[in-house]
Amino acid sequence: MVEGYSAWNGAFVLSVSSTLGVDEIDLSNLKIYPNPTDGNYVTIKSPIGGDKQIELFDINGRRVLSTTISGDMLDISSVNTGFYMIKITVNDYQKVSKLIIK
């Protein structure tokens, strides 16, 4: 996007800005605890309100859990111990974090 231009001694000075379409609100302050965990639940606290779409992937990239939660508690009782990547989406904002289940 060209914001403006000006002429100076026959030369044009061009001012260019670029945006990625990413809003300033993000999930960088999202908290998952306890992590690592040895229980049946983890708590997911988000700075943004709304339902949380959760996807859990094993180290081979296979999705092992896909669910939506309206609160903060995620039931992981059906998931085996191991190292996982957890993708959390809240109102079109996403964060991927690691989750270790003992």
PDB file of N, CA and C in Angstrom:
ATOM      1  N   MET A   1       0.844  -1.158   0.000  1.00  0.00           N
ATOM      2  CA  MET A   1       0.000   0.000   0.000  1.00  0.00           C
ATOM      3  C   MET A   1       0.895   1.229   0.000  1.00  0.00           C
ATOM      4  N   VAL A   2       0.686   2.166  -0.879  1.00  0.00           N
ATOM      5  CA  VAL A   2       1.445   3.399  -0.939  1.00  0.00           C
ATOM      6  C   VAL A   2       0.713   4.442  -0.117  1.00  0.00           C
ATOM      7  N   GLU A   3       1.398   4.953   0.912  1.00  0.00           N
ATOM      8  CA  GLU A   3       0.763   5.931   1.777  1.00  0.00           C
ATOM      9  C   GLU A   3       0.883   7.351   1.223  1.00  0.00           C
ATOM     10  N   GLY A   4       1.926   7.625   0.516  1.00  0.00           N
ATOM     11  CA  GLY A   4       2.081   8.966  -0.022  1.00  0.00           C
ATOM     12  C   GLY A   4       3.393   9.102  -0.768  1.00  0.00           C
ATOM     13  N   TYR A   5       3.546  10.194  -1.476  1.00  0.00           N
ATOM     14  CA  TYR A   5       4.800  10.454  -2.165  1.00  0.00           C
ATOM     15  C   TYR A   5       5.006  11.950  -2.228  1.00  0.00           C
ATOM     16  N   SER A   6       6.238  12.336  -2.437  1.00  0.00           N
ATOM     17  CA  SER A   6       6.538  13.751  -2.599  1.00  0.00           C
ATOM     18  C   SER A   6       7.703  13.895  -3.569  1.00  0.00           C
ATOM     19  N   ALA A   7       7.789  15.039  -4.195  1.00  0.00           N
ATOM     20  CA  ALA A   7       8.874  15.308  -5.131  1.00  0.00           C
ATOM     21  C   ALA A   7       9.876  16.233  -4.461  1.00  0.00           C
ATOM     22  N   TRP A   8      11.151  15.925  -4.634  1.00  0.00           N
ATOM     23  CA  TRP A   8      12.208  16.760  -4.081  1.00  0.00           C
ATOM     24  C   TRP A   8      13.348  16.813  -5.078  1.00  0.00           C
ATOM     25  N   ASN A   9      13.599  17.954  -5.650  1.00  0.00           N
ATOM     26  CA  ASN A   9      14.642  18.143  -6.660  1.00  0.00           C
ATOM     27  C   ASN A   9      14.515  17.153  -7.808  1.00  0.00           C
ATOM     28  N   GLY A  10      13.328  16.921  -8.244  1.00  0.00           N
ATOM     29  CA  GLY A  10      13.120  16.038  -9.385  1.00  0.00           C
ATOM     30  C   GLY A  10      13.105  14.563  -9.042  1.00  0.00           C
ATOM     31  N   ALA A  11      13.352  14.202  -7.782  1.00  0.00           N
ATOM     32  CA  ALA A  11      13.343  12.797  -7.384  1.00  0.00           C
ATOM     33  C   ALA A  11      12.083  12.541  -6.561  1.00  0.00           C
ATOM     34  N   PHE A  12      11.540  11.383  -6.732  1.00  0.00           N
ATOM     35  CA  PHE A  12      10.354  11.022  -5.960  1.00  0.00           C
ATOM     36  C   PHE A  12      10.773  10.245  -4.725  1.00  0.00           C
ATOM     37  N   VAL A  13      10.199  10.604  -3.618  1.00  0.00           N
ATOM     38  CA  VAL A  13      10.391   9.879  -2.370  1.00  0.00           C
ATOM     39  C   VAL A  13       9.105   9.120  -2.118  1.00  0.00           C
ATOM     40  N   LEU A  14       9.228   7.831  -1.967  1.00  0.00           N
ATOM     41  CA  LEU A  14       8.068   6.972  -1.842  1.00  0.00           C
ATOM     42  C   LEU A  14       7.998   6.419  -0.430  1.00  0.00           C
ATOM     43  N   SER A  15       6.838   6.493   0.168  1.00  0.00           N
ATOM     44  CA  SER A  15       6.608   5.935   1.489  1.00  0.00           C
ATOM     45  C   SER A  15       5.710   4.722   1.325  1.00  0.00           C
ATOM     46  N   VAL A  16       6.202   3.575   1.727  1.00  0.00           N
ATOM     47  CA  VAL A  16       5.472   2.327   1.536  1.00  0.00           C
ATOM     48  C   VAL A  16       5.282   1.661   2.890  1.00  0.00           C
ATOM     49  N   SER A  17       4.070   1.158   3.112  1.00  0.00           N
ATOM     50  CA  SER A  17       3.835   0.364   4.316  1.00  0.00           C
ATOM     51  C   SER A  17       3.171  -0.936   3.899  1.00  0.00           C
ATOM     52  N   SER A  18       3.406  -1.934   4.697  1.00  0.00           N
ATOM     53  CA  SER A  18       2.845  -3.248   4.405  1.00  0.00           C
ATOM     54  C   SER A  18       2.276  -3.823   5.683  1.00  0.00           C
ATOM     55  N   THR A  19       1.107  -4.439   5.591  1.00  0.00           N
ATOM     56  CA  THR A  19       0.521  -5.106   6.741  1.00  0.00           C
ATOM     57  C   THR A  19       0.242  -6.553   6.382  1.00  0.00           C
ATOM     58  N   LEU A  20       0.250  -7.380   7.393  1.00  0.00           N
ATOM     59  CA  LEU A  20      -0.004  -8.800   7.197  1.00  0.00           C
ATOM     60  C   LEU A  20      -1.444  -9.168   7.489  1.00  0.00           C
ATOM     61  N   GLY A  21      -2.248  -8.212   7.879  1.00  0.00           N
ATOM     62  CA  GLY A  21      -3.634  -8.507   8.204  1.00  0.00           C
ATOM     63  C   GLY A  21      -3.801  -9.153   9.556  1.00  0.00           C
ATOM     64  N   VAL A  22      -2.822  -9.000  10.435  1.00  0.00           N
ATOM     65  CA  VAL A  22      -2.885  -9.592  11.763  1.00  0.00           C
ATOM     66  C   VAL A  22      -3.299  -8.509  12.741  1.00  0.00           C
ATOM     67  N   ASP A  23      -4.379  -8.755  13.464  1.00  0.00           N
ATOM     68  CA  ASP A  23      -4.830  -7.804  14.460  1.00  0.00           C
ATOM     69  C   ASP A  23      -3.866  -7.789  15.639  1.00  0.00           C
ATOM     70  N   GLU A  24      -3.894  -6.703  16.376  1.00  0.00           N
ATOM     71  CA  GLU A  24      -2.997  -6.564  17.509  1.00  0.00           C
ATOM     72  C   GLU A  24      -3.360  -7.501  18.654  1.00  0.00           C
ATOM     73  N   ILE A  25      -4.620  -7.892  18.747  1.00  0.00           N
ATOM     74  CA  ILE A  25      -5.031  -8.842  19.784  1.00  0.00           C
ATOM     75  C   ILE A  25      -4.509 -10.217  19.383  1.00  0.00           C
ATOM     76  N   ASP A  26      -3.888 -10.907  20.300  1.00  0.00           N
ATOM     77  CA  ASP A  26      -3.419 -12.255  20.000  1.00  0.00           C
ATOM     78  C   ASP A  26      -3.541 -13.120  21.248  1.00  0.00           C
ATOM     79  N   LEU A  27      -3.093 -14.324  21.124  1.00  0.00           N
ATOM     80  CA  LEU A  27      -3.173 -15.269  22.232  1.00  0.00           C
ATOM     81  C   LEU A  27      -1.817 -15.460  22.902  1.00  0.00           C
ATOM     82  N   SER A  28      -0.921 -14.469  22.803  1.00  0.00           N
ATOM     83  CA  SER A  28       0.408 -14.635  23.384  1.00  0.00           C
ATOM     84  C   SER A  28       0.356 -14.810  24.902  1.00  0.00           C
ATOM     85  N   ASN A  29      -0.685 -14.324  25.546  1.00  0.00           N
ATOM     86  CA  ASN A  29      -0.813 -14.474  26.995  1.00  0.00           C
ATOM     87  C   ASN A  29      -1.645 -15.684  27.393  1.00  0.00           C
ATOM     88  N   LEU A  30      -1.927 -16.567  26.466  1.00  0.00           N
ATOM     89  CA  LEU A  30      -2.680 -17.780  26.763  1.00  0.00           C
ATOM     90  C   LEU A  30      -1.853 -18.669  27.687  1.00  0.00           C
ATOM     91  N   LYS A  31      -2.480 -19.238  28.684  1.00  0.00           N
ATOM     92  CA  LYS A  31      -1.799 -20.094  29.668  1.00  0.00           C
ATOM     93  C   LYS A  31      -2.402 -21.489  29.652  1.00  0.00           C
ATOM     94  N   ILE A  32      -1.536 -22.492  29.656  1.00  0.00           N
ATOM     95  CA  ILE A  32      -1.945 -23.893  29.752  1.00  0.00           C
ATOM     96  C   ILE A  32      -1.244 -24.472  30.978  1.00  0.00           C
ATOM     97  N   TYR A  33      -2.011 -24.961  31.940  1.00  0.00           N
ATOM     98  CA  TYR A  33      -1.392 -25.516  33.140  1.00  0.00           C
ATOM     99  C   TYR A  33      -2.276 -26.586  33.752  1.00  0.00           C
ATOM    100  N   PRO A  34      -1.711 -27.520  34.506  1.00  0.00           N
ATOM    101  CA  PRO A  34      -0.275 -27.709  34.661  1.00  0.00           C
ATOM    102  C   PRO A  34       0.332 -28.284  33.383  1.00  0.00           C
ATOM    103  N   ASN A  35       1.537 -27.934  33.126  1.00  0.00           N
ATOM    104  CA  ASN A  35       2.250 -28.411  31.934  1.00  0.00           C
ATOM    105  C   ASN A  35       3.736 -28.473  32.266  1.00  0.00           C
ATOM    106  N   PRO A  36       4.276 -29.685  32.409  1.00  0.00           N
ATOM    107  CA  PRO A  36       3.700 -30.997  32.126  1.00  0.00           C
ATOM    108  C   PRO A  36       2.614 -31.374  33.142  1.00  0.00           C
ATOM    109  N   THR A  37       1.781 -32.311  32.721  1.00  0.00           N
ATOM    110  CA  THR A  37       0.686 -32.756  33.571  1.00  0.00           C
ATOM    111  C   THR A  37       0.683 -34.271  33.696  1.00  0.00           C
ATOM    112  N   ASP A  38       0.197 -34.742  34.827  1.00  0.00           N
ATOM    113  CA  ASP A  38      -0.013 -36.182  34.997  1.00  0.00           C
ATOM    114  C   ASP A  38      -1.454 -36.449  35.399  1.00  0.00           C
ATOM    115  N   GLY A  39      -2.313 -35.449  35.204  1.00  0.00           N
ATOM    116  CA  GLY A  39      -3.726 -35.577  35.560  1.00  0.00           C
ATOM    117  C   GLY A  39      -4.603 -35.808  34.349  1.00  0.00           C
ATOM    118  N   ASN A  40      -5.906 -35.736  34.576  1.00  0.00           N
ATOM    119  CA  ASN A  40      -6.877 -35.964  33.513  1.00  0.00           C
ATOM    120  C   ASN A  40      -7.359 -34.677  32.852  1.00  0.00           C
ATOM    121  N   TYR A  41      -6.976 -33.527  33.403  1.00  0.00           N
ATOM    122  CA  TYR A  41      -7.429 -32.244  32.880  1.00  0.00           C
ATOM    123  C   TYR A  41      -6.278 -31.250  32.849  1.00  0.00           C
ATOM    124  N   VAL A  42      -6.335 -30.325  31.899  1.00  0.00           N
ATOM    125  CA  VAL A  42      -5.475 -29.150  31.918  1.00  0.00           C
ATOM    126  C   VAL A  42      -6.388 -27.930  31.845  1.00  0.00           C
ATOM    127  N   THR A  43      -5.914 -26.830  32.396  1.00  0.00           N
ATOM    128  CA  THR A  43      -6.641 -25.572  32.357  1.00  0.00           C
ATOM    129  C   THR A  43      -6.052 -24.707  31.252  1.00  0.00           C
ATOM    130  N   ILE A  44      -6.912 -24.140  30.434  1.00  0.00           N
ATOM    131  CA  ILE A  44      -6.488 -23.250  29.354  1.00  0.00           C
ATOM    132  C   ILE A  44      -7.144 -21.900  29.593  1.00  0.00           C
ATOM    133  N   LYS A  45      -6.336 -20.920  29.995  1.00  0.00           N
ATOM    134  CA  LYS A  45      -6.816 -19.556  30.260  1.00  0.00           C
ATOM    135  C   LYS A  45      -6.455 -18.680  29.069  1.00  0.00           C
ATOM    136  N   SER A  46      -7.452 -18.030  28.514  1.00  0.00           N
ATOM    137  CA  SER A  46      -7.265 -17.198  27.331  1.00  0.00           C
ATOM    138  C   SER A  46      -7.570 -15.737  27.649  1.00  0.00           C
ATOM    139  N   PRO A  47      -6.771 -14.800  27.090  1.00  0.00           N
ATOM    140  CA  PRO A  47      -7.080 -13.380  27.271  1.00  0.00           C
ATOM    141  C   PRO A  47      -8.289 -12.933  26.445  1.00  0.00           C
ATOM    142  N   ILE A  48      -8.763 -13.816  25.571  1.00  0.00           N
ATOM    143  CA  ILE A  48      -9.905 -13.532  24.708  1.00  0.00           C
ATOM    144  C   ILE A  48     -11.040 -14.463  25.109  1.00  0.00           C
ATOM    145  N   GLY A  49     -12.231 -13.933  25.281  1.00  0.00           N
ATOM    146  CA  GLY A  49     -13.381 -14.748  25.633  1.00  0.00           C
ATOM    147  C   GLY A  49     -13.936 -15.486  24.430  1.00  0.00           C
ATOM    148  N   GLY A  50     -14.633 -16.565  24.691  1.00  0.00           N
ATOM    149  CA  GLY A  50     -15.272 -17.334  23.632  1.00  0.00           C
ATOM    150  C   GLY A  50     -14.908 -18.798  23.709  1.00  0.00           C
ATOM    151  N   ASP A  51     -15.588 -19.594  22.886  1.00  0.00           N
ATOM    152  CA  ASP A  51     -15.293 -21.020  22.820  1.00  0.00           C
ATOM    153  C   ASP A  51     -13.878 -21.239  22.313  1.00  0.00           C
ATOM    154  N   LYS A  52     -13.265 -22.309  22.801  1.00  0.00           N
ATOM    155  CA  LYS A  52     -11.904 -22.662  22.394  1.00  0.00           C
ATOM    156  C   LYS A  52     -11.960 -23.931  21.549  1.00  0.00           C
ATOM    157  N   GLN A  53     -11.512 -23.840  20.306  1.00  0.00           N
ATOM    158  CA  GLN A  53     -11.379 -25.028  19.471  1.00  0.00           C
ATOM    159  C   GLN A  53      -9.976 -25.585  19.728  1.00  0.00           C
ATOM    160  N   ILE A  54      -9.926 -26.846  20.098  1.00  0.00           N
ATOM    161  CA  ILE A  54      -8.686 -27.481  20.502  1.00  0.00           C
ATOM    162  C   ILE A  54      -8.349 -28.602  19.530  1.00  0.00           C
ATOM    163  N   GLU A  55      -7.100 -28.623  19.074  1.00  0.00           N
ATOM    164  CA  GLU A  55      -6.577 -29.741  18.301  1.00  0.00           C
ATOM    165  C   GLU A  55      -5.263 -30.145  18.941  1.00  0.00           C
ATOM    166  N   LEU A  56      -5.112 -31.439  19.187  1.00  0.00           N
ATOM    167  CA  LEU A  56      -3.914 -31.979  19.812  1.00  0.00           C
ATOM    168  C   LEU A  56      -3.241 -32.917  18.827  1.00  0.00           C
ATOM    169  N   PHE A  57      -1.941 -32.688  18.566  1.00  0.00           N
ATOM    170  CA  PHE A  57      -1.192 -33.463  17.584  1.00  0.00           C
ATOM    171  C   PHE A  57      -0.031 -34.171  18.266  1.00  0.00           C
ATOM    172  N   ASP A  58       0.207 -35.443  17.878  1.00  0.00           N
ATOM    173  CA  ASP A  58       1.353 -36.169  18.427  1.00  0.00           C
ATOM    174  C   ASP A  58       2.623 -35.756  17.682  1.00  0.00           C
ATOM    175  N   ILE A  59       3.750 -36.345  18.055  1.00  0.00           N
ATOM    176  CA  ILE A  59       5.028 -35.943  17.460  1.00  0.00           C
ATOM    177  C   ILE A  59       5.148 -36.321  15.985  1.00  0.00           C
ATOM    178  N   ASN A  60       4.266 -37.184  15.508  1.00  0.00           N
ATOM    179  CA  ASN A  60       4.252 -37.543  14.090  1.00  0.00           C
ATOM    180  C   ASN A  60       3.289 -36.681  13.286  1.00  0.00           C
ATOM    181  N   GLY A  61       2.660 -35.705  13.952  1.00  0.00           N
ATOM    182  CA  GLY A  61       1.749 -34.797  13.259  1.00  0.00           C
ATOM    183  C   GLY A  61       0.334 -35.315  13.128  1.00  0.00           C
ATOM    184  N   ARG A  62       0.040 -36.455  13.751  1.00  0.00           N
ATOM    185  CA  ARG A  62      -1.325 -36.998  13.701  1.00  0.00           C
ATOM    186  C   ARG A  62      -2.193 -36.304  14.733  1.00  0.00           C
ATOM    187  N   ARG A  63      -3.381 -35.922  14.322  1.00  0.00           N
ATOM    188  CA  ARG A  63      -4.324 -35.314  15.253  1.00  0.00           C
ATOM    189  C   ARG A  63      -4.912 -36.412  16.117  1.00  0.00           C
ATOM    190  N   VAL A  64      -4.762 -36.281  17.437  1.00  0.00           N
ATOM    191  CA  VAL A  64      -5.256 -37.296  18.361  1.00  0.00           C
ATOM    192  C   VAL A  64      -6.471 -36.814  19.144  1.00  0.00           C
ATOM    193  N   LEU A  65      -6.749 -35.504  19.086  1.00  0.00           N
ATOM    194  CA  LEU A  65      -7.900 -34.964  19.787  1.00  0.00           C
ATOM    195  C   LEU A  65      -8.360 -33.704  19.065  1.00  0.00           C
ATOM    196  N   SER A  66      -9.645 -33.600  18.869  1.00  0.00           N
ATOM    197  CA  SER A  66     -10.245 -32.405  18.286  1.00  0.00           C
ATOM    198  C   SER A  66     -11.559 -32.157  19.009  1.00  0.00           C
ATOM    199  N   THR A  67     -11.661 -31.014  19.676  1.00  0.00           N
ATOM    200  CA  THR A  67     -12.849 -30.719  20.466  1.00  0.00           C
ATOM    201  C   THR A  67     -13.005 -29.215  20.629  1.00  0.00           C
ATOM    202  N   THR A  68     -14.152 -28.818  21.112  1.00  0.00           N
ATOM    203  CA  THR A  68     -14.414 -27.424  21.445  1.00  0.00           C
ATOM    204  C   THR A  68     -14.841 -27.373  22.901  1.00  0.00           C
ATOM    205  N   ILE A  69     -14.259 -26.441  23.646  1.00  0.00           N
ATOM    206  CA  ILE A  69     -14.648 -26.267  25.043  1.00  0.00           C
ATOM    207  C   ILE A  69     -15.124 -24.831  25.238  1.00  0.00           C
ATOM    208  N   SER A  70     -16.123 -24.681  26.099  1.00  0.00           N
ATOM    209  CA  SER A  70     -16.644 -23.339  26.361  1.00  0.00           C
ATOM    210  C   SER A  70     -16.056 -22.755  27.637  1.00  0.00           C
ATOM    211  N   GLY A  71     -15.486 -23.599  28.477  1.00  0.00           N
ATOM    212  CA  GLY A  71     -14.856 -23.138  29.714  1.00  0.00           C
ATOM    213  C   GLY A  71     -13.350 -23.172  29.590  1.00  0.00           C
ATOM    214  N   ASP A  72     -12.692 -23.439  30.710  1.00  0.00           N
ATOM    215  CA  ASP A  72     -11.229 -23.454  30.747  1.00  0.00           C
ATOM    216  C   ASP A  72     -10.633 -24.853  30.903  1.00  0.00           C
ATOM    217  N   MET A  73     -11.466 -25.871  31.152  1.00  0.00           N
ATOM    218  CA  MET A  73     -10.949 -27.209  31.440  1.00  0.00           C
ATOM    219  C   MET A  73     -10.997 -28.103  30.205  1.00  0.00           C
ATOM    220  N   LEU A  74      -9.846 -28.704  29.887  1.00  0.00           N
ATOM    221  CA  LEU A  74      -9.759 -29.650  28.779  1.00  0.00           C
ATOM    222  C   LEU A  74      -9.538 -31.047  29.342  1.00  0.00           C
ATOM    223  N   ASP A  75     -10.414 -31.975  29.001  1.00  0.00           N
ATOM    224  CA  ASP A  75     -10.313 -33.365  29.428  1.00  0.00           C
ATOM    225  C   ASP A  75      -9.307 -34.082  28.537  1.00  0.00           C
ATOM    226  N   ILE A  76      -8.210 -34.541  29.125  1.00  0.00           N
ATOM    227  CA  ILE A  76      -7.180 -35.271  28.369  1.00  0.00           C
ATOM    228  C   ILE A  76      -7.066 -36.714  28.850  1.00  0.00           C
ATOM    229  N   SER A  77      -8.097 -37.203  29.548  1.00  0.00           N
ATOM    230  CA  SER A  77      -8.051 -38.549  30.126  1.00  0.00           C
ATOM    231  C   SER A  77      -7.934 -39.638  29.060  1.00  0.00           C
ATOM    232  N   SER A  78      -8.360 -39.358  27.844  1.00  0.00           N
ATOM    233  CA  SER A  78      -8.291 -40.374  26.779  1.00  0.00           C
ATOM    234  C   SER A  78      -6.990 -40.317  25.979  1.00  0.00           C
ATOM    235  N   VAL A  79      -6.088 -39.421  26.349  1.00  0.00           N
ATOM    236  CA  VAL A  79      -4.843 -39.227  25.600  1.00  0.00           C
ATOM    237  C   VAL A  79      -3.693 -39.928  26.315  1.00  0.00           C
ATOM    238  N   ASN A  80      -2.874 -40.657  25.560  1.00  0.00           N
ATOM    239  CA  ASN A  80      -1.727 -41.366  26.122  1.00  0.00           C
ATOM    240  C   ASN A  80      -0.638 -40.382  26.560  1.00  0.00           C
ATOM    241  N   THR A  81       0.252 -40.866  27.406  1.00  0.00           N
ATOM    242  CA  THR A  81       1.391 -40.043  27.804  1.00  0.00           C
ATOM    243  C   THR A  81       2.246 -39.737  26.581  1.00  0.00           C
ATOM    244  N   GLY A  82       2.894 -38.579  26.612  1.00  0.00           N
ATOM    245  CA  GLY A  82       3.770 -38.213  25.507  1.00  0.00           C
ATOM    246  C   GLY A  82       3.884 -36.712  25.334  1.00  0.00           C
ATOM    247  N   PHE A  83       4.579 -36.334  24.254  1.00  0.00           N
ATOM    248  CA  PHE A  83       4.803 -34.937  23.900  1.00  0.00           C
ATOM    249  C   PHE A  83       3.847 -34.572  22.779  1.00  0.00           C
ATOM    250  N   TYR A  84       3.126 -33.470  22.933  1.00  0.00           N
ATOM    251  CA  TYR A  84       2.112 -33.069  21.962  1.00  0.00           C
ATOM    252  C   TYR A  84       2.239 -31.592  21.615  1.00  0.00           C
ATOM    253  N   MET A  85       1.723 -31.247  20.471  1.00  0.00           N
ATOM    254  CA  MET A  85       1.525 -29.852  20.096  1.00  0.00           C
ATOM    255  C   MET A  85       0.025 -29.603  20.189  1.00  0.00           C
ATOM    256  N   ILE A  86      -0.342 -28.524  20.862  1.00  0.00           N
ATOM    257  CA  ILE A  86      -1.746 -28.189  21.041  1.00  0.00           C
ATOM    258  C   ILE A  86      -2.024 -26.880  20.310  1.00  0.00           C
ATOM    259  N   LYS A  87      -3.019 -26.923  19.441  1.00  0.00           N
ATOM    260  CA  LYS A  87      -3.432 -25.744  18.681  1.00  0.00           C
ATOM    261  C   LYS A  87      -4.754 -25.271  19.257  1.00  0.00           C
ATOM    262  N   ILE A  88      -4.774 -24.024  19.692  1.00  0.00           N
ATOM    263  CA  ILE A  88      -5.959 -23.448  20.317  1.00  0.00           C
ATOM    264  C   ILE A  88      -6.424 -22.279  19.458  1.00  0.00           C
ATOM    265  N   THR A  89      -7.696 -22.292  19.093  1.00  0.00           N
ATOM    266  CA  THR A  89      -8.277 -21.217  18.295  1.00  0.00           C
ATOM    267  C   THR A  89      -9.435 -20.615  19.086  1.00  0.00           C
ATOM    268  N   VAL A  90      -9.384 -19.287  19.266  1.00  0.00           N
ATOM    269  CA  VAL A  90     -10.452 -18.555  19.944  1.00  0.00           C
ATOM    270  C   VAL A  90     -10.799 -17.360  19.066  1.00  0.00           C
ATOM    271  N   ASN A  91     -12.031 -17.325  18.561  1.00  0.00           N
ATOM    272  CA  ASN A  91     -12.487 -16.207  17.723  1.00  0.00           C
ATOM    273  C   ASN A  91     -11.504 -15.880  16.599  1.00  0.00           C
ATOM    274  N   ASP A  92     -11.060 -16.879  15.862  1.00  0.00           N
ATOM    275  CA  ASP A  92     -10.143 -16.745  14.725  1.00  0.00           C
ATOM    276  C   ASP A  92      -8.711 -16.389  15.102  1.00  0.00           C
ATOM    277  N   TYR A  93      -8.385 -16.333  16.386  1.00  0.00           N
ATOM    278  CA  TYR A  93      -7.012 -16.135  16.825  1.00  0.00           C
ATOM    279  C   TYR A  93      -6.463 -17.497  17.218  1.00  0.00           C
ATOM    280  N   GLN A  94      -5.200 -17.775  16.859  1.00  0.00           N
ATOM    281  CA  GLN A  94      -4.641 -19.101  17.098  1.00  0.00           C
ATOM    282  C   GLN A  94      -3.323 -19.028  17.843  1.00  0.00           C
ATOM    283  N   LYS A  95      -3.060 -20.084  18.586  1.00  0.00           N
ATOM    284  CA  LYS A  95      -1.763 -20.264  19.223  1.00  0.00           C
ATOM    285  C   LYS A  95      -1.454 -21.755  19.235  1.00  0.00           C
ATOM    286  N   VAL A  96      -0.203 -22.074  18.967  1.00  0.00           N
ATOM    287  CA  VAL A  96       0.263 -23.453  19.042  1.00  0.00           C
ATOM    288  C   VAL A  96       1.304 -23.509  20.151  1.00  0.00           C
ATOM    289  N   SER A  97       1.134 -24.458  21.050  1.00  0.00           N
ATOM    290  CA  SER A  97       2.048 -24.634  22.182  1.00  0.00           C
ATOM    291  C   SER A  97       2.360 -26.116  22.334  1.00  0.00           C
ATOM    292  N   LYS A  98       3.323 -26.403  23.166  1.00  0.00           N
ATOM    293  CA  LYS A  98       3.611 -27.807  23.471  1.00  0.00           C
ATOM    294  C   LYS A  98       2.881 -28.202  24.742  1.00  0.00           C
ATOM    295  N   LEU A  99       2.554 -29.470  24.821  1.00  0.00           N
ATOM    296  CA  LEU A  99       1.893 -30.017  26.003  1.00  0.00           C
ATOM    297  C   LEU A  99       2.521 -31.370  26.276  1.00  0.00           C
ATOM    298  N   ILE A 100       2.967 -31.568  27.502  1.00  0.00           N
ATOM    299  CA  ILE A 100       3.572 -32.839  27.896  1.00  0.00           C
ATOM    300  C   ILE A 100       2.644 -33.523  28.881  1.00  0.00           C
ATOM    301  N   ILE A 101       2.274 -34.766  28.546  1.00  0.00           N
ATOM    302  CA  ILE A 101       1.415 -35.568  29.409  1.00  0.00           C
ATOM    303  C   ILE A 101       2.249 -36.712  29.956  1.00  0.00           C
ATOM    304  N   LYS A 102       2.370 -36.775  31.272  1.00  0.00           N
ATOM    305  CA  LYS A 102       3.187 -37.817  31.926  1.00  0.00           C
ATOM    306  C   LYS A 102       2.368 -39.049  32.208  1.00  0.00           C
TER     307      LYS A 102
END
